[in-house]
């Protein structure tokens, strides 16, 4: 048995291609999912939709108890697991970071005791190995994109969502913090009326009470005829990426995932910062966002303010080839090989 530790539901799209490959090879797969008082119904809908074999736990101590008792061959994590050292000699442990991109946690998460980490590309592999020379890193590429590259993921039926299949489609996929959501115009869908707009916010924007103002804005935008807002139970970004012509985002993993498909990205340089991240506290923002953010800035067209956004989007729709060389170069560094075989390489390693 191989277990996937699902601290948050947005880990699932990263796990699914590997789990599918394991099941092709007749390997039993179990998802260990953490219950949520706020969003249990959403989690149960996800489990039902994907027909997952699930063990429910309340917290990390219950997850650990399950692993110690059942001794799976591997436990795959999407983030750090404080008790990973207790599994040594019982189960092997692996990390598949739940996103790519510029946040410093991409690197710091490897401080823990998880034995093996699957990494996206030689640049990231080299940097991680220099930071943690005693740890094991395996360059496999980014498995989450495999269903698109393989042609398994066909995208959305826009007409069934009430959208116009003859229009170009924008995907707005902001992260929850720091986010551009609060800086967008309240009626921005009407200013982009010639486009379909798919809203695919981070799970936290729809589910956490801290972000209720973001949810209110998103729900308001969903009332426009040219907009579809993905509910929290639609955890997978992949069908939205297939259906979109341009992505609008901020410092989100989605930005680099979309660029890896050689599609144009518009990067919002405007975002809302809490007072505790401004002024003399700006160092907190710098600590949260890795300096790679600036190294890869020219992977996308930038909108410095909301007022610039429409012009930049129109340009990218008309000339999608403008940043293609940068997308190719930086995808190699941040995402690795994009050949649809990443999940096979991970599975080979797990089973060898």
Foldseek 3Di string as FASTA:
>chain_A
DEEEEPADPLLVLQCVLLVVVCVVVVHDYEYEYAADPQCNVLVVVLCVVVVGHYDYDNDLVRVVVVCQVPQDQEYEYQFARQCQVVCVPRHAYEYEHSFFFFWPSVQVRVPHDRAEYEAFADQVVVVNCVVPVVHHYHDQFRQSCLCVLVVVQQADPQVVQLADLVAAEEEEEEEQPQTCQVQADLAVCVVVVRYQYEYHYALCCQGPPVNVVSNVSLVSNCVDSRYDYDHSSVSRCVNVLNRHQEYEYERDSVQLVSLLVLHAYEYELDGDDDPCCDDPNVVVVPNGTHPVCVVLVLLHHYDDHNVCVVVRVVVCSVPVCPNSVSSVVVCCNTGNDDNSCSSVVVSVVSVD
